[in-house]
């Protein structure tokens, strides 16, 4: 499976209709830009080839989810990445939006339990 922005949008729409995201008041797809790239680095040294990233673009007032096509080449991997980034998006109005802290892990544990996903790497 090769992720595309449209596939990401479809999966995002689906998970927004299911627990626990259905209670989160997440942005609609009209407010999100989905990008799919071959490599995705989260640092200037290009040492971590990430699965996905999330950022809120204050200039465009759009949320951006960028998906690494190579690392998310299965449905389960892509689903996990979109769910992971949805947690960051849920927290975008807080100063902790990028953190993988106790609150993030609480959301992640709930999602992993509901979807039967492994907690490792989430």
N, C-alpha and C. Protein backbone atom coordinates (compact mmCIF):
# COMPACT_ATOMS: atom_id res chain seq x y z
N UNK A 1 0.85 -1.18 0.00
CA UNK A 1 0.00 0.00 0.00
C UNK A 1 0.89 1.24 0.00
N UNK A 2 0.61 2.15 -0.87
CA UNK A 2 1.32 3.42 -0.90
C UNK A 2 0.36 4.53 -0.48
N UNK A 3 0.64 5.15 0.65
CA UNK A 3 -0.26 6.22 1.12
C UNK A 3 -0.31 7.40 0.16
N UNK A 4 -1.48 7.97 0.04
CA UNK A 4 -1.70 9.21 -0.71
C UNK A 4 -2.47 10.15 0.21
N UNK A 5 -2.47 11.44 -0.10
CA UNK A 5 -3.27 12.36 0.71
C UNK A 5 -4.75 11.95 0.78
N UNK A 6 -5.30 11.45 -0.31
CA UNK A 6 -6.71 11.04 -0.32
C UNK A 6 -6.95 9.85 0.61
N UNK A 7 -6.06 8.85 0.57
CA UNK A 7 -6.19 7.69 1.47
C UNK A 7 -6.10 8.15 2.92
N UNK A 8 -5.17 9.06 3.21
CA UNK A 8 -5.05 9.57 4.58
C UNK A 8 -6.32 10.28 5.01
N UNK A 9 -6.89 11.06 4.12
CA UNK A 9 -8.13 11.78 4.42
C UNK A 9 -9.27 10.81 4.71
N UNK A 10 -9.37 9.75 3.93
CA UNK A 10 -10.42 8.75 4.12
C UNK A 10 -10.26 8.05 5.48
N UNK A 11 -9.04 7.65 5.80
CA UNK A 11 -8.80 6.99 7.10
C UNK A 11 -9.09 7.96 8.24
N UNK A 12 -8.67 9.20 8.10
CA UNK A 12 -8.95 10.20 9.14
C UNK A 12 -10.46 10.37 9.33
N UNK A 13 -11.20 10.48 8.25
CA UNK A 13 -12.66 10.61 8.34
C UNK A 13 -13.27 9.42 9.07
N UNK A 14 -12.77 8.23 8.77
CA UNK A 14 -13.28 7.02 9.41
C UNK A 14 -13.03 7.05 10.92
N UNK A 15 -11.79 7.31 11.32
CA UNK A 15 -11.48 7.26 12.75
C UNK A 15 -12.17 8.38 13.53
N UNK A 16 -12.49 9.47 12.87
CA UNK A 16 -13.21 10.55 13.55
C UNK A 16 -14.66 10.17 13.87
N UNK A 17 -15.14 9.11 13.25
CA UNK A 17 -16.50 8.61 13.51
C UNK A 17 -16.52 7.51 14.56
N UNK A 18 -15.34 7.08 15.00
CA UNK A 18 -15.22 5.96 15.93
C UNK A 18 -14.64 6.42 17.26
N UNK A 19 -14.96 5.66 18.35
CA UNK A 19 -14.38 6.01 19.65
C UNK A 19 -12.86 5.83 19.63
N UNK A 20 -12.14 6.58 20.38
CA UNK A 20 -12.58 7.70 21.21
C UNK A 20 -12.59 9.03 20.48
N UNK A 21 -12.09 9.05 19.22
CA UNK A 21 -11.96 10.31 18.50
C UNK A 21 -13.30 10.99 18.21
N UNK A 22 -14.37 10.23 18.19
CA UNK A 22 -15.68 10.82 17.89
C UNK A 22 -16.11 11.83 18.95
N UNK A 23 -15.47 11.83 20.10
CA UNK A 23 -15.79 12.77 21.18
C UNK A 23 -14.78 13.92 21.28
N UNK A 24 -13.79 13.96 20.41
CA UNK A 24 -12.68 14.89 20.55
C UNK A 24 -12.87 16.25 19.86
N UNK A 25 -13.84 16.43 19.03
CA UNK A 25 -14.05 17.70 18.31
C UNK A 25 -12.81 18.07 17.49
N UNK A 26 -12.35 17.13 16.72
CA UNK A 26 -11.18 17.37 15.86
C UNK A 26 -11.57 18.18 14.63
N UNK A 27 -10.59 18.82 13.99
CA UNK A 27 -10.88 19.60 12.79
C UNK A 27 -11.42 18.73 11.66
N UNK A 28 -12.20 19.35 10.79
CA UNK A 28 -12.67 18.65 9.59
C UNK A 28 -11.53 18.55 8.59
N UNK A 29 -11.70 17.73 7.60
CA UNK A 29 -10.64 17.57 6.59
C UNK A 29 -10.42 18.86 5.79
N UNK A 30 -11.39 19.74 5.76
CA UNK A 30 -11.22 21.03 5.09
C UNK A 30 -10.19 21.90 5.80
N UNK A 31 -9.90 21.58 7.06
CA UNK A 31 -8.94 22.34 7.85
C UNK A 31 -7.59 21.64 7.96
N UNK A 32 -7.42 20.55 7.22
CA UNK A 32 -6.19 19.75 7.31
C UNK A 32 -5.57 19.57 5.93
N UNK A 33 -4.26 19.72 5.88
CA UNK A 33 -3.50 19.39 4.67
C UNK A 33 -2.77 18.09 4.96
N UNK A 34 -3.03 17.08 4.15
CA UNK A 34 -2.32 15.80 4.25
C UNK A 34 -1.24 15.78 3.18
N UNK A 35 -0.02 15.47 3.59
CA UNK A 35 1.10 15.36 2.66
C UNK A 35 1.72 13.98 2.81
N UNK A 36 2.20 13.42 1.71
CA UNK A 36 2.87 12.12 1.74
C UNK A 36 4.23 12.28 1.05
N UNK A 37 5.28 11.88 1.76
CA UNK A 37 6.65 12.06 1.27
C UNK A 37 7.44 10.76 1.42
N UNK A 38 8.56 10.68 0.71
CA UNK A 38 9.40 9.48 0.78
C UNK A 38 10.29 9.44 2.01
N UNK A 39 10.71 10.59 2.50
CA UNK A 39 11.53 10.69 3.70
C UNK A 39 10.99 11.84 4.54
N UNK A 40 11.07 11.67 5.86
CA UNK A 40 10.50 12.68 6.76
C UNK A 40 11.40 12.82 7.97
N UNK A 41 12.14 13.91 8.02
CA UNK A 41 13.07 14.14 9.13
C UNK A 41 12.52 15.19 10.07
N UNK A 42 12.68 14.94 11.36
CA UNK A 42 12.16 15.86 12.36
C UNK A 42 13.25 16.70 13.00
N UNK A 43 14.47 16.57 12.49
CA UNK A 43 15.56 17.39 13.00
C UNK A 43 16.46 17.80 11.85
N UNK A 44 17.20 18.86 12.05
CA UNK A 44 18.07 19.39 11.00
C UNK A 44 19.20 18.44 10.63
N UNK A 45 19.59 17.59 11.58
CA UNK A 45 20.69 16.66 11.32
C UNK A 45 20.25 15.48 10.46
N UNK A 46 18.96 15.37 10.20
CA UNK A 46 18.38 14.29 9.40
C UNK A 46 18.79 12.92 9.93
N UNK A 47 18.62 12.76 11.24
CA UNK A 47 18.98 11.49 11.86
C UNK A 47 17.77 10.61 12.15
N UNK A 48 16.59 11.19 12.24
CA UNK A 48 15.40 10.40 12.56
C UNK A 48 14.44 10.46 11.38
N UNK A 49 14.30 9.35 10.69
CA UNK A 49 13.36 9.26 9.58
C UNK A 49 12.00 8.87 10.17
N UNK A 50 11.18 9.86 10.45
CA UNK A 50 9.94 9.69 11.20
C UNK A 50 8.84 9.00 10.39
N UNK A 51 7.87 8.44 11.10
CA UNK A 51 6.68 7.86 10.48
C UNK A 51 5.75 8.97 10.00
N UNK A 52 5.57 10.00 10.83
CA UNK A 52 4.66 11.08 10.49
C UNK A 52 4.95 12.28 11.38
N UNK A 53 4.45 13.43 10.97
CA UNK A 53 4.56 14.63 11.78
C UNK A 53 3.25 15.41 11.73
N UNK A 54 3.07 16.24 12.75
CA UNK A 54 1.91 17.13 12.79
C UNK A 54 2.40 18.53 13.15
N UNK A 55 1.79 19.53 12.54
CA UNK A 55 2.05 20.92 12.90
C UNK A 55 0.81 21.74 12.55
N UNK A 56 0.59 22.79 13.34
CA UNK A 56 -0.45 23.74 13.01
C UNK A 56 0.23 24.94 12.36
N UNK A 57 -0.16 25.26 11.14
CA UNK A 57 0.43 26.36 10.41
C UNK A 57 -0.36 27.63 10.71
N UNK A 58 0.23 28.52 11.49
CA UNK A 58 -0.48 29.73 11.90
C UNK A 58 -0.73 30.69 10.74
N UNK A 59 0.13 30.66 9.74
CA UNK A 59 -0.06 31.54 8.57
C UNK A 59 -1.30 31.15 7.77
N UNK A 60 -1.44 29.86 7.50
CA UNK A 60 -2.58 29.39 6.70
C UNK A 60 -3.78 29.02 7.56
N UNK A 61 -3.55 28.92 8.87
CA UNK A 61 -4.57 28.46 9.83
C UNK A 61 -5.08 27.07 9.48
N UNK A 62 -4.15 26.24 8.97
CA UNK A 62 -4.47 24.85 8.63
C UNK A 62 -3.58 23.92 9.44
N UNK A 63 -4.12 22.76 9.74
CA UNK A 63 -3.36 21.69 10.37
C UNK A 63 -2.65 20.94 9.25
N UNK A 64 -1.44 20.45 9.52
CA UNK A 64 -0.70 19.70 8.51
C UNK A 64 -0.24 18.38 9.10
N UNK A 65 -0.62 17.30 8.43
CA UNK A 65 -0.14 15.97 8.80
C UNK A 65 0.69 15.47 7.62
N UNK A 66 1.95 15.18 7.89
CA UNK A 66 2.85 14.68 6.86
C UNK A 66 3.16 13.22 7.15
N UNK A 67 2.96 12.39 6.15
CA UNK A 67 3.10 10.94 6.27
C UNK A 67 4.30 10.45 5.46
N UNK A 68 5.12 9.64 6.09
CA UNK A 68 6.25 9.00 5.40
C UNK A 68 5.70 7.78 4.65
N UNK A 69 5.72 7.84 3.32
CA UNK A 69 5.15 6.76 2.50
C UNK A 69 5.88 5.44 2.68
N UNK A 70 7.19 5.50 2.87
CA UNK A 70 8.00 4.29 2.98
C UNK A 70 7.73 3.58 4.31
N UNK A 71 7.69 4.34 5.39
CA UNK A 71 7.51 3.74 6.72
C UNK A 71 6.05 3.35 7.00
N UNK A 72 5.11 3.93 6.26
CA UNK A 72 3.69 3.63 6.45
C UNK A 72 3.15 2.87 5.24
N UNK A 73 3.81 1.78 4.90
CA UNK A 73 3.45 1.04 3.70
C UNK A 73 2.44 -0.09 3.95
N UNK A 74 1.88 -0.14 5.17
CA UNK A 74 0.79 -1.07 5.46
C UNK A 74 -0.36 -0.27 6.06
N UNK A 75 -1.55 -0.84 5.99
CA UNK A 75 -2.71 -0.17 6.55
C UNK A 75 -2.54 0.06 8.05
N UNK A 76 -2.07 -0.96 8.78
CA UNK A 76 -1.90 -0.82 10.23
C UNK A 76 -0.92 0.29 10.59
N UNK A 77 0.17 0.38 9.86
CA UNK A 77 1.16 1.44 10.13
C UNK A 77 0.56 2.81 9.85
N UNK A 78 -0.14 2.95 8.73
CA UNK A 78 -0.75 4.22 8.37
C UNK A 78 -1.84 4.62 9.37
N UNK A 79 -2.66 3.66 9.75
CA UNK A 79 -3.70 3.91 10.75
C UNK A 79 -3.07 4.39 12.06
N UNK A 80 -2.03 3.70 12.51
CA UNK A 80 -1.35 4.08 13.75
C UNK A 80 -0.76 5.48 13.66
N UNK A 81 -0.18 5.82 12.53
CA UNK A 81 0.42 7.16 12.37
C UNK A 81 -0.65 8.25 12.38
N UNK A 82 -1.75 8.01 11.70
CA UNK A 82 -2.82 9.01 11.68
C UNK A 82 -3.43 9.18 13.08
N UNK A 83 -3.62 8.08 13.78
CA UNK A 83 -4.14 8.16 15.15
C UNK A 83 -3.16 8.89 16.07
N UNK A 84 -1.88 8.60 15.92
CA UNK A 84 -0.84 9.25 16.71
C UNK A 84 -0.87 10.77 16.49
N UNK A 85 -0.90 11.17 15.22
CA UNK A 85 -0.90 12.60 14.91
C UNK A 85 -2.22 13.25 15.33
N UNK A 86 -3.31 12.50 15.38
CA UNK A 86 -4.59 13.04 15.85
C UNK A 86 -4.50 13.44 17.32
N UNK A 87 -3.71 12.71 18.09
CA UNK A 87 -3.51 13.08 19.50
C UNK A 87 -2.82 14.45 19.58
N UNK A 88 -1.77 14.62 18.77
CA UNK A 88 -1.09 15.92 18.76
C UNK A 88 -2.07 17.02 18.32
N UNK A 89 -2.88 16.73 17.32
CA UNK A 89 -3.83 17.72 16.81
C UNK A 89 -4.87 18.08 17.87
N UNK A 90 -5.30 17.08 18.64
CA UNK A 90 -6.26 17.34 19.72
C UNK A 90 -5.69 18.35 20.71
N UNK A 91 -4.37 18.32 20.89
CA UNK A 91 -3.70 19.15 21.91
C UNK A 91 -3.09 20.43 21.33
N UNK A 92 -3.42 20.78 20.08
CA UNK A 92 -2.71 21.87 19.42
C UNK A 92 -2.87 23.23 20.08
N UNK A 93 -3.91 23.43 20.84
CA UNK A 93 -4.11 24.72 21.51
C UNK A 93 -3.37 24.82 22.84
N UNK A 94 -2.68 23.75 23.22
CA UNK A 94 -1.92 23.76 24.47
C UNK A 94 -0.43 23.88 24.16
N UNK A 95 0.34 24.27 25.16
CA UNK A 95 1.78 24.36 24.96
C UNK A 95 2.43 22.99 24.92
N UNK A 96 1.66 21.95 25.19
CA UNK A 96 2.18 20.58 25.23
C UNK A 96 1.84 19.78 23.97
N UNK A 97 1.38 20.44 22.93
CA UNK A 97 0.89 19.74 21.75
C UNK A 97 1.91 18.76 21.15
N UNK A 98 3.19 19.06 21.25
CA UNK A 98 4.22 18.20 20.63
C UNK A 98 4.76 17.15 21.58
N UNK A 99 4.37 17.20 22.84
CA UNK A 99 4.93 16.31 23.85
C UNK A 99 4.35 14.89 23.79
N UNK A 100 5.18 13.95 24.23
CA UNK A 100 4.74 12.56 24.43
C UNK A 100 4.74 12.30 25.93
N UNK A 101 4.01 13.12 26.64
CA UNK A 101 3.98 13.10 28.09
C UNK A 101 2.90 12.13 28.62
N UNK A 102 2.64 12.23 29.90
CA UNK A 102 1.66 11.35 30.54
C UNK A 102 0.27 11.47 29.90
N UNK A 103 -0.14 12.69 29.58
CA UNK A 103 -1.46 12.91 28.97
C UNK A 103 -1.50 12.27 27.58
N UNK A 104 -0.45 12.50 26.79
CA UNK A 104 -0.37 11.89 25.46
C UNK A 104 -0.46 10.37 25.58
N UNK A 105 0.32 9.82 26.49
CA UNK A 105 0.35 8.35 26.65
C UNK A 105 -0.99 7.81 27.12
N UNK A 106 -1.72 8.58 27.89
CA UNK A 106 -3.05 8.16 28.31
C UNK A 106 -3.99 8.04 27.10
N UNK A 107 -3.95 9.05 26.23
CA UNK A 107 -4.74 8.99 24.99
C UNK A 107 -4.28 7.82 24.12
N UNK A 108 -2.98 7.66 24.00
CA UNK A 108 -2.42 6.59 23.17
C UNK A 108 -2.83 5.21 23.69
N UNK A 109 -2.76 5.03 25.00
CA UNK A 109 -3.17 3.74 25.58
C UNK A 109 -4.62 3.42 25.28
N UNK A 110 -5.48 4.42 25.38
CA UNK A 110 -6.90 4.22 25.09
C UNK A 110 -7.11 3.85 23.62
N UNK A 111 -6.43 4.56 22.73
CA UNK A 111 -6.54 4.28 21.30
C UNK A 111 -6.02 2.88 20.99
N UNK A 112 -4.88 2.52 21.54
CA UNK A 112 -4.31 1.19 21.28
C UNK A 112 -5.24 0.10 21.76
N UNK A 113 -5.88 0.31 22.89
CA UNK A 113 -6.82 -0.68 23.41
C UNK A 113 -8.03 -0.82 22.49
N UNK A 114 -8.61 0.29 22.08
CA UNK A 114 -9.80 0.28 21.21
C UNK A 114 -9.51 -0.35 19.86
N UNK A 115 -8.34 -0.01 19.26
CA UNK A 115 -8.01 -0.46 17.91
C UNK A 115 -7.17 -1.73 17.86
N UNK A 116 -6.75 -2.21 19.03
CA UNK A 116 -5.92 -3.42 19.06
C UNK A 116 -4.53 -3.19 18.49
N UNK A 117 -4.02 -1.97 18.66
CA UNK A 117 -2.69 -1.65 18.16
C UNK A 117 -1.64 -1.84 19.24
N UNK A 118 -0.41 -2.18 18.87
CA UNK A 118 0.65 -2.30 19.86
C UNK A 118 1.03 -0.94 20.43
N UNK A 119 1.33 -0.91 21.72
CA UNK A 119 1.71 0.36 22.34
C UNK A 119 3.14 0.77 21.99
N UNK A 120 3.96 -0.20 21.65
CA UNK A 120 5.36 0.08 21.32
C UNK A 120 5.40 0.91 20.03
N UNK A 121 6.10 2.02 20.08
CA UNK A 121 6.24 2.88 18.92
C UNK A 121 5.10 3.84 18.74
N UNK A 122 4.06 3.71 19.52
CA UNK A 122 2.92 4.63 19.38
C UNK A 122 3.23 5.86 20.16
